[in-house]
């Protein structure tokens, strides 16, 4: 206690000065409109900033809920379209990407749907822009998808303009591009040609966008083109996908397995 009194006595002049300064400031604020307005304006700005920050945080989580809802609505609309076109055997189920790699030779992504949601190994996966990949392993609540940006993945494609068939393969370099192979030299290939799924596999229905021709090279003496495709799916920004349920897929695959 004595030490505290000594400290107070030592700094008494300074403490009195501080108290007088605070009192003078309060008198100026409450007796003059301009300073009071300035202080209140500053306080209002701080309160507004707090409200804005809270609003942005709340809006962020609300936006995530809206995106989830939109993904489900897109899948529902695609199902309605399939029914309208008489393709009831094809159904789409929305899912969210929870993990993904894009910079490896063997990339994979994980989605938040599994066996409890009816997901099965070998089902195709797409998004609103085009092809994503194929389900490879399935757990109770999650599944792992092999995307088309995996060097072990091959995808049967066709040119939209004339139905010519080719095979899409990724060279492991850039997640925005892939190679289209098996396109013979007699075929006329133009930059901007649209490439879609061929429909020759039960995994993907015919006509899902794959990408467009970015460039094509045919060297003298070559029998096939070297074609670079700009992929429709932006894997760097992939958040939501749709798993494709084909009611006939199991039966078709069983028939194909019987040929081995």
Foldseek 3Di string as FASTA:
>chain_A
DVVVVVVCVVCVVVVVVVVVVVVVLVCCLVVPPVNVVVVVVVVVVVVVVVVVVVVVVVVVVVVVVVVVVVQQVVQVVVCVVCVVVVNNLKGKDKWWWDDWDQQFQFIKTKTFAFVCNVDDFFAFKFAPQFGFFGWHAGDHGMTMGGGQSHQVDKAWKAFPVPRHIWIWGAPNDGSQKTWTWPAFPVDDADFFTWMWGNCPALRDHTDTGFFTWHDWDDDPPDGIITTMGGGRDDPVPGTMMITMRRNCRVVVVVVVVVVD
